[in-house]
Amino acid sequence: MKKILIVDDEPNIVMSLEYTFKKNNFEVFIARDGQEALDILKNALPDIIILDVMMPNVDGYNTLEQIKSDVRLEHTKVIFLSAKNKEKDIERGLALGADLYMTKPFSVKKLVEQVNEIIK
C-alpha cells in the first residue's frame, strides 16, 4: 500500500484529501503543521508528501528543507499545495526540491492524478 503524508492546517482540505486518498488505497498520515510532519517522519516513511506553505510553527518551505536534509527521506516525493501562487513562491518551492507545486483552489481529481504519476 502506498503511503501519503498530508500536511495542512485547513481542516476541510485535510478531511477531503484524507477521504479521497484512503478511497484510492493509500495509507494516510495527517499533520497540521510542519513540526507535526517532522515528528511523524521520524517513524513513518511515506512515498509522497502533500505540503502546504503557510502553516503555524514551521512553514512548508522550512519543513521541506528539513525533509531534504534527511537521508532516509531523500527519495520521498513532495508536492506543494498552497494558496501562495506568485511566480517567486512557486520558484522557491521547486528550488527547495519539491517535485510539483500546485496552487489552491485545486481539483482533487487532478491532484490524485499528479500523485499517481509522480510515484509510479
PDB file of N, CA and C in Angstrom:
ATOM      1  N   MET A   1       0.845  -1.193   0.000  1.00  0.00           N
ATOM      2  CA  MET A   1       0.000   0.000   0.000  1.00  0.00           C
ATOM      3  C   MET A   1       0.880   1.243   0.000  1.00  0.00           C
ATOM      4  N   LYS A   2       0.564   2.185  -0.850  1.00  0.00           N
ATOM      5  CA  LYS A   2       1.307   3.445  -0.904  1.00  0.00           C
ATOM      6  C   LYS A   2       0.964   4.280   0.330  1.00  0.00           C
ATOM      7  N   LYS A   3       1.954   5.044   0.796  1.00  0.00           N
ATOM      8  CA  LYS A   3       1.764   5.886   1.976  1.00  0.00           C
ATOM      9  C   LYS A   3       1.868   7.355   1.585  1.00  0.00           C
ATOM     10  N   ILE A   4       0.959   8.166   2.143  1.00  0.00           N
ATOM     11  CA  ILE A   4       0.965   9.602   1.858  1.00  0.00           C
ATOM     12  C   ILE A   4       0.848  10.362   3.172  1.00  0.00           C
ATOM     13  N   LEU A   5       1.595  11.453   3.269  1.00  0.00           N
ATOM     14  CA  LEU A   5       1.504  12.357   4.417  1.00  0.00           C
ATOM     15  C   LEU A   5       0.900  13.661   3.917  1.00  0.00           C
ATOM     16  N   ILE A   6      -0.218  14.061   4.506  1.00  0.00           N
ATOM     17  CA  ILE A   6      -0.877  15.312   4.151  1.00  0.00           C
ATOM     18  C   ILE A   6      -0.591  16.308   5.259  1.00  0.00           C
ATOM     19  N   VAL A   7       0.034  17.433   4.883  1.00  0.00           N
ATOM     20  CA  VAL A   7       0.422  18.443   5.868  1.00  0.00           C
ATOM     21  C   VAL A   7      -0.283  19.743   5.519  1.00  0.00           C
ATOM     22  N   ASP A   8      -1.321  20.080   6.297  1.00  0.00           N
ATOM     23  CA  ASP A   8      -2.103  21.290   6.035  1.00  0.00           C
ATOM     24  C   ASP A   8      -2.840  21.663   7.310  1.00  0.00           C
ATOM     25  N   ASP A   9      -3.001  22.964   7.562  1.00  0.00           N
ATOM     26  CA  ASP A   9      -3.684  23.398   8.777  1.00  0.00           C
ATOM     27  C   ASP A   9      -5.161  23.712   8.523  1.00  0.00           C
ATOM     28  N   GLU A  10      -5.645  23.471   7.307  1.00  0.00           N
ATOM     29  CA  GLU A  10      -7.039  23.744   6.957  1.00  0.00           C
ATOM     30  C   GLU A  10      -7.846  22.436   7.062  1.00  0.00           C
ATOM     31  N   PRO A  11      -8.695  22.307   8.100  1.00  0.00           N
ATOM     32  CA  PRO A  11      -9.403  21.042   8.342  1.00  0.00           C
ATOM     33  C   PRO A  11     -10.205  20.523   7.144  1.00  0.00           C
ATOM     34  N   ASN A  12     -10.865  21.396   6.397  1.00  0.00           N
ATOM     35  CA  ASN A  12     -11.674  20.929   5.265  1.00  0.00           C
ATOM     36  C   ASN A  12     -10.821  20.290   4.184  1.00  0.00           C
ATOM     37  N   ILE A  13      -9.657  20.858   3.939  1.00  0.00           N
ATOM     38  CA  ILE A  13      -8.750  20.291   2.934  1.00  0.00           C
ATOM     39  C   ILE A  13      -8.231  18.938   3.425  1.00  0.00           C
ATOM     40  N   VAL A  14      -7.821  18.888   4.679  1.00  0.00           N
ATOM     41  CA  VAL A  14      -7.301  17.644   5.252  1.00  0.00           C
ATOM     42  C   VAL A  14      -8.348  16.537   5.174  1.00  0.00           C
ATOM     43  N   MET A  15      -9.584  16.834   5.579  1.00  0.00           N
ATOM     44  CA  MET A  15     -10.642  15.819   5.568  1.00  0.00           C
ATOM     45  C   MET A  15     -10.926  15.333   4.150  1.00  0.00           C
ATOM     46  N   SER A  16     -11.010  16.256   3.224  1.00  0.00           N
ATOM     47  CA  SER A  16     -11.294  15.910   1.833  1.00  0.00           C
ATOM     48  C   SER A  16     -10.193  15.041   1.237  1.00  0.00           C
ATOM     49  N   LEU A  17      -8.939  15.430   1.465  1.00  0.00           N
ATOM     50  CA  LEU A  17      -7.822  14.669   0.912  1.00  0.00           C
ATOM     51  C   LEU A  17      -7.665  13.313   1.600  1.00  0.00           C
ATOM     52  N   GLU A  18      -7.861  13.279   2.900  1.00  0.00           N
ATOM     53  CA  GLU A  18      -7.751  12.009   3.629  1.00  0.00           C
ATOM     54  C   GLU A  18      -8.767  11.010   3.074  1.00  0.00           C
ATOM     55  N   TYR A  19     -10.004  11.445   2.923  1.00  0.00           N
ATOM     56  CA  TYR A  19     -11.059  10.587   2.393  1.00  0.00           C
ATOM     57  C   TYR A  19     -10.708  10.100   0.986  1.00  0.00           C
ATOM     58  N   THR A  20     -10.308  11.029   0.135  1.00  0.00           N
ATOM     59  CA  THR A  20     -10.008  10.699  -1.256  1.00  0.00           C
ATOM     60  C   THR A  20      -8.856   9.712  -1.376  1.00  0.00           C
ATOM     61  N   PHE A  21      -7.769   9.954  -0.650  1.00  0.00           N
ATOM     62  CA  PHE A  21      -6.611   9.065  -0.782  1.00  0.00           C
ATOM     63  C   PHE A  21      -6.854   7.703  -0.138  1.00  0.00           C
ATOM     64  N   LYS A  22      -7.633   7.644   0.943  1.00  0.00           N
ATOM     65  CA  LYS A  22      -7.984   6.339   1.525  1.00  0.00           C
ATOM     66  C   LYS A  22      -8.815   5.548   0.517  1.00  0.00           C
ATOM     67  N   LYS A  23      -9.726   6.236  -0.172  1.00  0.00           N
ATOM     68  CA  LYS A  23     -10.551   5.597  -1.192  1.00  0.00           C
ATOM     69  C   LYS A  23      -9.696   5.074  -2.348  1.00  0.00           C
ATOM     70  N   ASN A  24      -8.540   5.716  -2.558  1.00  0.00           N
ATOM     71  CA  ASN A  24      -7.617   5.309  -3.620  1.00  0.00           C
ATOM     72  C   ASN A  24      -6.516   4.384  -3.096  1.00  0.00           C
ATOM     73  N   ASN A  25      -6.801   3.714  -1.975  1.00  0.00           N
ATOM     74  CA  ASN A  25      -5.906   2.701  -1.410  1.00  0.00           C
ATOM     75  C   ASN A  25      -4.553   3.217  -0.941  1.00  0.00           C
ATOM     76  N   PHE A  26      -4.546   4.383  -0.324  1.00  0.00           N
ATOM     77  CA  PHE A  26      -3.335   4.919   0.292  1.00  0.00           C
ATOM     78  C   PHE A  26      -3.468   4.785   1.803  1.00  0.00           C
ATOM     79  N   GLU A  27      -2.333   4.546   2.464  1.00  0.00           N
ATOM     80  CA  GLU A  27      -2.286   4.694   3.916  1.00  0.00           C
ATOM     81  C   GLU A  27      -2.006   6.177   4.144  1.00  0.00           C
ATOM     82  N   VAL A  28      -2.862   6.843   4.923  1.00  0.00           N
ATOM     83  CA  VAL A  28      -2.800   8.296   5.057  1.00  0.00           C
ATOM     84  C   VAL A  28      -2.317   8.705   6.451  1.00  0.00           C
ATOM     85  N   PHE A  29      -1.344   9.599   6.475  1.00  0.00           N
ATOM     86  CA  PHE A  29      -0.880  10.233   7.712  1.00  0.00           C
ATOM     87  C   PHE A  29      -1.252  11.709   7.616  1.00  0.00           C
ATOM     88  N   ILE A  30      -1.603  12.302   8.750  1.00  0.00           N
ATOM     89  CA  ILE A  30      -2.041  13.699   8.774  1.00  0.00           C
ATOM     90  C   ILE A  30      -1.173  14.506   9.739  1.00  0.00           C
ATOM     91  N   ALA A  31      -0.751  15.694   9.289  1.00  0.00           N
ATOM     92  CA  ALA A  31      -0.066  16.637  10.180  1.00  0.00           C
ATOM     93  C   ALA A  31      -0.697  18.008   9.965  1.00  0.00           C
ATOM     94  N   ARG A  32      -0.840  18.763  11.043  1.00  0.00           N
ATOM     95  CA  ARG A  32      -1.491  20.085  10.970  1.00  0.00           C
ATOM     96  C   ARG A  32      -0.487  21.234  10.776  1.00  0.00           C
ATOM     97  N   ASP A  33       0.807  20.912  10.949  1.00  0.00           N
ATOM     98  CA  ASP A  33       1.840  21.928  10.721  1.00  0.00           C
ATOM     99  C   ASP A  33       3.163  21.214  10.445  1.00  0.00           C
ATOM    100  N   GLY A  34       4.174  21.996  10.091  1.00  0.00           N
ATOM    101  CA  GLY A  34       5.451  21.416   9.720  1.00  0.00           C
ATOM    102  C   GLY A  34       6.119  20.634  10.835  1.00  0.00           C
ATOM    103  N   GLN A  35       6.016  21.124  12.065  1.00  0.00           N
ATOM    104  CA  GLN A  35       6.651  20.415  13.182  1.00  0.00           C
ATOM    105  C   GLN A  35       6.017  19.044  13.394  1.00  0.00           C
ATOM    106  N   GLU A  36       4.699  18.999  13.322  1.00  0.00           N
ATOM    107  CA  GLU A  36       4.000  17.716  13.472  1.00  0.00           C
ATOM    108  C   GLU A  36       4.409  16.768  12.336  1.00  0.00           C
ATOM    109  N   ALA A  37       4.568  17.308  11.132  1.00  0.00           N
ATOM    110  CA  ALA A  37       5.003  16.490   9.988  1.00  0.00           C
ATOM    111  C   ALA A  37       6.384  15.898  10.255  1.00  0.00           C
ATOM    112  N   LEU A  38       7.302  16.723  10.734  1.00  0.00           N
ATOM    113  CA  LEU A  38       8.664  16.252  11.003  1.00  0.00           C
ATOM    114  C   LEU A  38       8.670  15.175  12.096  1.00  0.00           C
ATOM    115  N   ASP A  39       7.781  15.336  13.090  1.00  0.00           N
ATOM    116  CA  ASP A  39       7.666  14.326  14.147  1.00  0.00           C
ATOM    117  C   ASP A  39       7.176  12.998  13.569  1.00  0.00           C
ATOM    118  N   ILE A  40       6.166  13.055  12.700  1.00  0.00           N
ATOM    119  CA  ILE A  40       5.628  11.840  12.063  1.00  0.00           C
ATOM    120  C   ILE A  40       6.707  11.163  11.221  1.00  0.00           C
ATOM    121  N   LEU A  41       7.513  11.981  10.524  1.00  0.00           N
ATOM    122  CA  LEU A  41       8.530  11.442   9.619  1.00  0.00           C
ATOM    123  C   LEU A  41       9.683  10.738  10.345  1.00  0.00           C
ATOM    124  N   LYS A  42       9.759  10.903  11.664  1.00  0.00           N
ATOM    125  CA  LYS A  42      10.776  10.171  12.423  1.00  0.00           C
ATOM    126  C   LYS A  42      10.473   8.670  12.402  1.00  0.00           C
ATOM    127  N   ASN A  43       9.180   8.329  12.284  1.00  0.00           N
ATOM    128  CA  ASN A  43       8.758   6.924  12.329  1.00  0.00           C
ATOM    129  C   ASN A  43       8.125   6.418  11.043  1.00  0.00           C
ATOM    130  N   ALA A  44       7.571   7.308  10.247  1.00  0.00           N
ATOM    131  CA  ALA A  44       6.880   6.901   9.025  1.00  0.00           C
ATOM    132  C   ALA A  44       7.683   7.354   7.812  1.00  0.00           C
ATOM    133  N   LEU A  45       7.717   6.503   6.795  1.00  0.00           N
ATOM    134  CA  LEU A  45       8.400   6.855   5.550  1.00  0.00           C
ATOM    135  C   LEU A  45       7.387   6.813   4.408  1.00  0.00           C
ATOM    136  N   PRO A  46       6.686   7.940   4.183  1.00  0.00           N
ATOM    137  CA  PRO A  46       5.684   7.953   3.121  1.00  0.00           C
ATOM    138  C   PRO A  46       6.333   7.959   1.725  1.00  0.00           C
ATOM    139  N   ASP A  47       5.558   7.540   0.740  1.00  0.00           N
ATOM    140  CA  ASP A  47       6.023   7.603  -0.648  1.00  0.00           C
ATOM    141  C   ASP A  47       5.964   9.030  -1.154  1.00  0.00           C
ATOM    142  N   ILE A  48       4.983   9.783  -0.632  1.00  0.00           N
ATOM    143  CA  ILE A  48       4.776  11.152  -1.096  1.00  0.00           C
ATOM    144  C   ILE A  48       4.206  12.006   0.030  1.00  0.00           C
ATOM    145  N   ILE A  49       4.550  13.293  -0.016  1.00  0.00           N
ATOM    146  CA  ILE A  49       4.069  14.255   0.980  1.00  0.00           C
ATOM    147  C   ILE A  49       3.371  15.396   0.238  1.00  0.00           C
ATOM    148  N   ILE A  50       2.163  15.723   0.685  1.00  0.00           N
ATOM    149  CA  ILE A  50       1.480  16.916   0.180  1.00  0.00           C
ATOM    150  C   ILE A  50       1.649  17.967   1.264  1.00  0.00           C
ATOM    151  N   LEU A  51       2.223  19.093   0.889  1.00  0.00           N
ATOM    152  CA  LEU A  51       2.694  20.069   1.872  1.00  0.00           C
ATOM    153  C   LEU A  51       2.171  21.468   1.579  1.00  0.00           C
ATOM    154  N   ASP A  52       1.496  22.052   2.563  1.00  0.00           N
ATOM    155  CA  ASP A  52       1.052  23.443   2.469  1.00  0.00           C
ATOM    156  C   ASP A  52       2.251  24.338   2.786  1.00  0.00           C
ATOM    157  N   VAL A  53       2.210  25.585   2.338  1.00  0.00           N
ATOM    158  CA  VAL A  53       3.305  26.513   2.647  1.00  0.00           C
ATOM    159  C   VAL A  53       3.009  27.284   3.927  1.00  0.00           C
ATOM    160  N   MET A  54       1.861  27.928   3.992  1.00  0.00           N
ATOM    161  CA  MET A  54       1.536  28.801   5.124  1.00  0.00           C
ATOM    162  C   MET A  54       0.871  28.005   6.242  1.00  0.00           C
ATOM    163  N   MET A  55       1.678  27.710   7.284  1.00  0.00           N
ATOM    164  CA  MET A  55       1.184  26.957   8.432  1.00  0.00           C
ATOM    165  C   MET A  55       1.796  27.524   9.702  1.00  0.00           C
ATOM    166  N   PRO A  56       1.137  27.274  10.853  1.00  0.00           N
ATOM    167  CA  PRO A  56       1.731  27.726  12.123  1.00  0.00           C
ATOM    168  C   PRO A  56       3.006  26.940  12.441  1.00  0.00           C
ATOM    169  N   ASN A  57       3.790  27.457  13.364  1.00  0.00           N
ATOM    170  CA  ASN A  57       5.025  26.834  13.860  1.00  0.00           C
ATOM    171  C   ASN A  57       6.118  26.758  12.795  1.00  0.00           C
ATOM    172  N   VAL A  58       6.107  25.727  11.956  1.00  0.00           N
ATOM    173  CA  VAL A  58       7.131  25.583  10.915  1.00  0.00           C
ATOM    174  C   VAL A  58       6.426  25.620   9.565  1.00  0.00           C
ATOM    175  N   ASP A  59       6.798  26.572   8.702  1.00  0.00           N
ATOM    176  CA  ASP A  59       6.114  26.669   7.408  1.00  0.00           C
ATOM    177  C   ASP A  59       6.588  25.578   6.449  1.00  0.00           C
ATOM    178  N   GLY A  60       5.919  25.481   5.312  1.00  0.00           N
ATOM    179  CA  GLY A  60       6.211  24.426   4.356  1.00  0.00           C
ATOM    180  C   GLY A  60       7.614  24.486   3.788  1.00  0.00           C
ATOM    181  N   TYR A  61       8.117  25.691   3.534  1.00  0.00           N
ATOM    182  CA  TYR A  61       9.471  25.813   2.977  1.00  0.00           C
ATOM    183  C   TYR A  61      10.512  25.242   3.941  1.00  0.00           C
ATOM    184  N   ASN A  62      10.418  25.642   5.224  1.00  0.00           N
ATOM    185  CA  ASN A  62      11.367  25.129   6.225  1.00  0.00           C
ATOM    186  C   ASN A  62      11.200  23.630   6.435  1.00  0.00           C
ATOM    187  N   THR A  63       9.960  23.169   6.392  1.00  0.00           N
ATOM    188  CA  THR A  63       9.698  21.733   6.526  1.00  0.00           C
ATOM    189  C   THR A  63      10.390  20.976   5.400  1.00  0.00           C
ATOM    190  N   LEU A  64      10.248  21.472   4.164  1.00  0.00           N
ATOM    191  CA  LEU A  64      10.861  20.788   3.025  1.00  0.00           C
ATOM    192  C   LEU A  64      12.388  20.780   3.135  1.00  0.00           C
ATOM    193  N   GLU A  65      12.961  21.888   3.590  1.00  0.00           N
ATOM    194  CA  GLU A  65      14.422  21.926   3.764  1.00  0.00           C
ATOM    195  C   GLU A  65      14.873  20.829   4.724  1.00  0.00           C
ATOM    196  N   GLN A  66      14.121  20.639   5.815  1.00  0.00           N
ATOM    197  CA  GLN A  66      14.492  19.612   6.797  1.00  0.00           C
ATOM    198  C   GLN A  66      14.267  18.205   6.236  1.00  0.00           C
ATOM    199  N   ILE A  67      13.200  18.040   5.452  1.00  0.00           N
ATOM    200  CA  ILE A  67      12.943  16.734   4.819  1.00  0.00           C
ATOM    201  C   ILE A  67      14.100  16.387   3.884  1.00  0.00           C
ATOM    202  N   LYS A  68      14.510  17.341   3.065  1.00  0.00           N
ATOM    203  CA  LYS A  68      15.558  17.090   2.071  1.00  0.00           C
ATOM    204  C   LYS A  68      16.925  16.856   2.715  1.00  0.00           C
ATOM    205  N   SER A  69      17.100  17.295   3.958  1.00  0.00           N
ATOM    206  CA  SER A  69      18.392  17.093   4.630  1.00  0.00           C
ATOM    207  C   SER A  69      18.457  15.735   5.335  1.00  0.00           C
ATOM    208  N   ASP A  70      17.360  14.986   5.324  1.00  0.00           N
ATOM    209  CA  ASP A  70      17.303  13.674   5.978  1.00  0.00           C
ATOM    210  C   ASP A  70      17.517  12.590   4.919  1.00  0.00           C
ATOM    211  N   VAL A  71      18.617  11.849   5.030  1.00  0.00           N
ATOM    212  CA  VAL A  71      18.945  10.843   4.009  1.00  0.00           C
ATOM    213  C   VAL A  71      17.865   9.766   3.867  1.00  0.00           C
ATOM    214  N   ARG A  72      17.137   9.476   4.955  1.00  0.00           N
ATOM    215  CA  ARG A  72      16.074   8.465   4.872  1.00  0.00           C
ATOM    216  C   ARG A  72      14.933   8.924   3.965  1.00  0.00           C
ATOM    217  N   LEU A  73      14.814  10.233   3.784  1.00  0.00           N
ATOM    218  CA  LEU A  73      13.677  10.791   3.044  1.00  0.00           C
ATOM    219  C   LEU A  73      14.069  11.325   1.673  1.00  0.00           C
ATOM    220  N   GLU A  74      15.325  11.107   1.269  1.00  0.00           N
ATOM    221  CA  GLU A  74      15.789  11.749   0.041  1.00  0.00           C
ATOM    222  C   GLU A  74      15.029  11.311  -1.215  1.00  0.00           C
ATOM    223  N   HIS A  75      14.385  10.140  -1.179  1.00  0.00           N
ATOM    224  CA  HIS A  75      13.628   9.682  -2.351  1.00  0.00           C
ATOM    225  C   HIS A  75      12.129   9.933  -2.213  1.00  0.00           C
ATOM    226  N   THR A  76      11.735  10.547  -1.094  1.00  0.00           N
ATOM    227  CA  THR A  76      10.320  10.849  -0.873  1.00  0.00           C
ATOM    228  C   THR A  76       9.910  12.014  -1.759  1.00  0.00           C
ATOM    229  N   LYS A  77       8.812  11.839  -2.481  1.00  0.00           N
ATOM    230  CA  LYS A  77       8.310  12.883  -3.379  1.00  0.00           C
ATOM    231  C   LYS A  77       7.511  13.893  -2.572  1.00  0.00           C
ATOM    232  N   VAL A  78       7.574  15.171  -3.000  1.00  0.00           N
ATOM    233  CA  VAL A  78       6.859  16.232  -2.287  1.00  0.00           C
ATOM    234  C   VAL A  78       6.110  17.107  -3.281  1.00  0.00           C
ATOM    235  N   ILE A  79       4.837  17.334  -2.976  1.00  0.00           N
ATOM    236  CA  ILE A  79       4.020  18.269  -3.759  1.00  0.00           C
ATOM    237  C   ILE A  79       3.607  19.409  -2.840  1.00  0.00           C
ATOM    238  N   PHE A  80       3.942  20.635  -3.226  1.00  0.00           N
ATOM    239  CA  PHE A  80       3.412  21.788  -2.504  1.00  0.00           C
ATOM    240  C   PHE A  80       1.992  22.024  -2.981  1.00  0.00           C
ATOM    241  N   LEU A  81       1.095  22.294  -2.036  1.00  0.00           N
ATOM    242  CA  LEU A  81      -0.290  22.641  -2.338  1.00  0.00           C
ATOM    243  C   LEU A  81      -0.565  23.900  -1.534  1.00  0.00           C
ATOM    244  N   SER A  82      -0.570  25.051  -2.211  1.00  0.00           N
ATOM    245  CA  SER A  82      -0.570  26.311  -1.472  1.00  0.00           C
ATOM    246  C   SER A  82      -1.401  27.395  -2.146  1.00  0.00           C
ATOM    247  N   ALA A  83      -1.900  28.313  -1.322  1.00  0.00           N
ATOM    248  CA  ALA A  83      -2.585  29.494  -1.843  1.00  0.00           C
ATOM    249  C   ALA A  83      -1.557  30.525  -2.325  1.00  0.00           C
ATOM    250  N   LYS A  84      -0.294  30.347  -1.953  1.00  0.00           N
ATOM    251  CA  LYS A  84       0.757  31.262  -2.417  1.00  0.00           C
ATOM    252  C   LYS A  84       1.035  30.938  -3.885  1.00  0.00           C
ATOM    253  N   ASN A  85       0.543  31.800  -4.766  1.00  0.00           N
ATOM    254  CA  ASN A  85       0.587  31.477  -6.190  1.00  0.00           C
ATOM    255  C   ASN A  85       1.427  32.441  -7.027  1.00  0.00           C
ATOM    256  N   LYS A  86       2.235  33.252  -6.365  1.00  0.00           N
ATOM    257  CA  LYS A  86       3.120  34.155  -7.121  1.00  0.00           C
ATOM    258  C   LYS A  86       4.279  33.342  -7.699  1.00  0.00           C
ATOM    259  N   GLU A  87       4.796  33.801  -8.823  1.00  0.00           N
ATOM    260  CA  GLU A  87       5.889  33.103  -9.502  1.00  0.00           C
ATOM    261  C   GLU A  87       7.062  32.839  -8.555  1.00  0.00           C
ATOM    262  N   LYS A  88       7.412  33.855  -7.722  1.00  0.00           N
ATOM    263  CA  LYS A  88       8.559  33.683  -6.818  1.00  0.00           C
ATOM    264  C   LYS A  88       8.307  32.603  -5.764  1.00  0.00           C
ATOM    265  N   ASP A  89       7.048  32.452  -5.324  1.00  0.00           N
ATOM    266  CA  ASP A  89       6.707  31.402  -4.352  1.00  0.00           C
ATOM    267  C   ASP A  89       6.871  30.029  -4.984  1.00  0.00           C
ATOM    268  N   ILE A  90       6.365  29.895  -6.205  1.00  0.00           N
ATOM    269  CA  ILE A  90       6.437  28.624  -6.925  1.00  0.00           C
ATOM    270  C   ILE A  90       7.897  28.264  -7.203  1.00  0.00           C
ATOM    271  N   GLU A  91       8.671  29.248  -7.681  1.00  0.00           N
ATOM    272  CA  GLU A  91      10.089  29.013  -7.970  1.00  0.00           C
ATOM    273  C   GLU A  91      10.845  28.597  -6.713  1.00  0.00           C
ATOM    274  N   ARG A  92      10.537  29.247  -5.588  1.00  0.00           N
ATOM    275  CA  ARG A  92      11.213  28.905  -4.327  1.00  0.00           C
ATOM    276  C   ARG A  92      10.903  27.465  -3.934  1.00  0.00           C
ATOM    277  N   GLY A  93       9.629  27.079  -4.032  1.00  0.00           N
ATOM    278  CA  GLY A  93       9.232  25.715  -3.675  1.00  0.00           C
ATOM    279  C   GLY A  93       9.942  24.676  -4.525  1.00  0.00           C
ATOM    280  N   LEU A  94      10.017  24.918  -5.825  1.00  0.00           N
ATOM    281  CA  LEU A  94      10.675  23.974  -6.722  1.00  0.00           C
ATOM    282  C   LEU A  94      12.188  23.968  -6.494  1.00  0.00           C
ATOM    283  N   ALA A  95      12.755  25.149  -6.221  1.00  0.00           N
ATOM    284  CA  ALA A  95      14.197  25.248  -5.973  1.00  0.00           C
ATOM    285  C   ALA A  95      14.594  24.480  -4.704  1.00  0.00           C
ATOM    286  N   LEU A  96      13.691  24.431  -3.733  1.00  0.00           N
ATOM    287  CA  LEU A  96      13.974  23.696  -2.486  1.00  0.00           C
ATOM    288  C   LEU A  96      13.872  22.187  -2.674  1.00  0.00           C
ATOM    289  N   GLY A  97      13.341  21.773  -3.823  1.00  0.00           N
ATOM    290  CA  GLY A  97      13.320  20.346  -4.111  1.00  0.00           C
ATOM    291  C   GLY A  97      11.945  19.714  -4.244  1.00  0.00           C
ATOM    292  N   ALA A  98      10.881  20.518  -4.265  1.00  0.00           N
ATOM    293  CA  ALA A  98       9.545  19.946  -4.471  1.00  0.00           C
ATOM    294  C   ALA A  98       9.458  19.361  -5.876  1.00  0.00           C
ATOM    295  N   ASP A  99       8.702  18.279  -6.017  1.00  0.00           N
ATOM    296  CA  ASP A  99       8.526  17.636  -7.316  1.00  0.00           C
ATOM    297  C   ASP A  99       7.443  18.341  -8.130  1.00  0.00           C
ATOM    298  N   LEU A 100       6.541  19.036  -7.433  1.00  0.00           N
ATOM    299  CA  LEU A 100       5.443  19.735  -8.094  1.00  0.00           C
ATOM    300  C   LEU A 100       4.940  20.817  -7.161  1.00  0.00           C
ATOM    301  N   TYR A 101       4.394  21.887  -7.737  1.00  0.00           N
ATOM    302  CA  TYR A 101       3.807  22.969  -6.942  1.00  0.00           C
ATOM    303  C   TYR A 101       2.430  23.243  -7.523  1.00  0.00           C
ATOM    304  N   MET A 102       1.391  22.903  -6.770  1.00  0.00           N
ATOM    305  CA  MET A 102       0.016  23.171  -7.202  1.00  0.00           C
ATOM    306  C   MET A 102      -0.563  24.281  -6.340  1.00  0.00           C
ATOM    307  N   THR A 103      -1.396  25.113  -6.951  1.00  0.00           N
ATOM    308  CA  THR A 103      -1.978  26.233  -6.211  1.00  0.00           C
ATOM    309  C   THR A 103      -3.440  25.960  -5.855  1.00  0.00           C
ATOM    310  N   LYS A 104      -3.853  26.538  -4.733  1.00  0.00           N
ATOM    311  CA  LYS A 104      -5.251  26.479  -4.285  1.00  0.00           C
ATOM    312  C   LYS A 104      -5.987  27.659  -4.920  1.00  0.00           C
ATOM    313  N   PRO A 105      -7.251  27.537  -5.262  1.00  0.00           N
ATOM    314  CA  PRO A 105      -8.050  26.316  -5.198  1.00  0.00           C
ATOM    315  C   PRO A 105      -7.551  25.286  -6.212  1.00  0.00           C
ATOM    316  N   PHE A 106      -7.849  24.018  -5.952  1.00  0.00           N
ATOM    317  CA  PHE A 106      -7.304  22.940  -6.780  1.00  0.00           C
ATOM    318  C   PHE A 106      -8.370  21.890  -7.042  1.00  0.00           C
ATOM    319  N   SER A 107      -8.129  21.060  -8.032  1.00  0.00           N
ATOM    320  CA  SER A 107      -9.004  19.936  -8.345  1.00  0.00           C
ATOM    321  C   SER A 107      -8.455  18.705  -7.634  1.00  0.00           C
ATOM    322  N   VAL A 108      -9.274  18.080  -6.799  1.00  0.00           N
ATOM    323  CA  VAL A 108      -8.858  16.877  -6.079  1.00  0.00           C
ATOM    324  C   VAL A 108      -8.530  15.770  -7.084  1.00  0.00           C
ATOM    325  N   LYS A 109      -9.349  15.662  -8.113  1.00  0.00           N
ATOM    326  CA  LYS A 109      -9.124  14.633  -9.135  1.00  0.00           C
ATOM    327  C   LYS A 109      -7.759  14.826  -9.797  1.00  0.00           C
ATOM    328  N   LYS A 110      -7.436  16.072 -10.133  1.00  0.00           N
ATOM    329  CA  LYS A 110      -6.149  16.389 -10.767  1.00  0.00           C
ATOM    330  C   LYS A 110      -4.994  16.082  -9.805  1.00  0.00           C
ATOM    331  N   LEU A 111      -5.176  16.412  -8.525  1.00  0.00           N
ATOM    332  CA  LEU A 111      -4.144  16.141  -7.518  1.00  0.00           C
ATOM    333  C   LEU A 111      -3.879  14.639  -7.411  1.00  0.00           C
ATOM    334  N   VAL A 112      -4.934  13.836  -7.375  1.00  0.00           N
ATOM    335  CA  VAL A 112      -4.773  12.381  -7.297  1.00  0.00           C
ATOM    336  C   VAL A 112      -4.027  11.872  -8.530  1.00  0.00           C
ATOM    337  N   GLU A 113      -4.379  12.396  -9.695  1.00  0.00           N
ATOM    338  CA  GLU A 113      -3.677  12.002 -10.942  1.00  0.00           C
ATOM    339  C   GLU A 113      -2.194  12.345 -10.856  1.00  0.00           C
ATOM    340  N   GLN A 114      -1.881  13.563 -10.370  1.00  0.00           N
ATOM    341  CA  GLN A 114      -0.498  14.002 -10.253  1.00  0.00           C
ATOM    342  C   GLN A 114       0.280  13.116  -9.266  1.00  0.00           C
ATOM    343  N   VAL A 115      -0.348  12.805  -8.134  1.00  0.00           N
ATOM    344  CA  VAL A 115       0.294  11.953  -7.122  1.00  0.00           C
ATOM    345  C   VAL A 115       0.623  10.595  -7.734  1.00  0.00           C
ATOM    346  N   ASN A 116      -0.353  10.001  -8.404  1.00  0.00           N
ATOM    347  CA  ASN A 116      -0.127   8.675  -9.013  1.00  0.00           C
ATOM    348  C   ASN A 116       0.954   8.725 -10.081  1.00  0.00           C
ATOM    349  N   GLU A 117       1.006   9.810 -10.817  1.00  0.00           N
ATOM    350  CA  GLU A 117       2.030   9.987 -11.866  1.00  0.00           C
ATOM    351  C   GLU A 117       3.430  10.082 -11.237  1.00  0.00           C
ATOM    352  N   ILE A 118       3.551  10.865 -10.189  1.00  0.00           N
ATOM    353  CA  ILE A 118       4.851  11.107  -9.557  1.00  0.00           C
ATOM    354  C   ILE A 118       5.418   9.857  -8.876  1.00  0.00           C
ATOM    355  N   ILE A 119       4.538   9.030  -8.286  1.00  0.00           N
ATOM    356  CA  ILE A 119       5.055   7.886  -7.530  1.00  0.00           C
ATOM    357  C   ILE A 119       5.068   6.585  -8.343  1.00  0.00           C
ATOM    358  N   LYS A 120       4.829   6.653  -9.608  1.00  0.00           N
ATOM    359  CA  LYS A 120       4.874   5.443 -10.447  1.00  0.00           C
ATOM    360  C   LYS A 120       6.230   4.783 -10.357  1.00  0.00           C
TER     361      LYS A 120
END
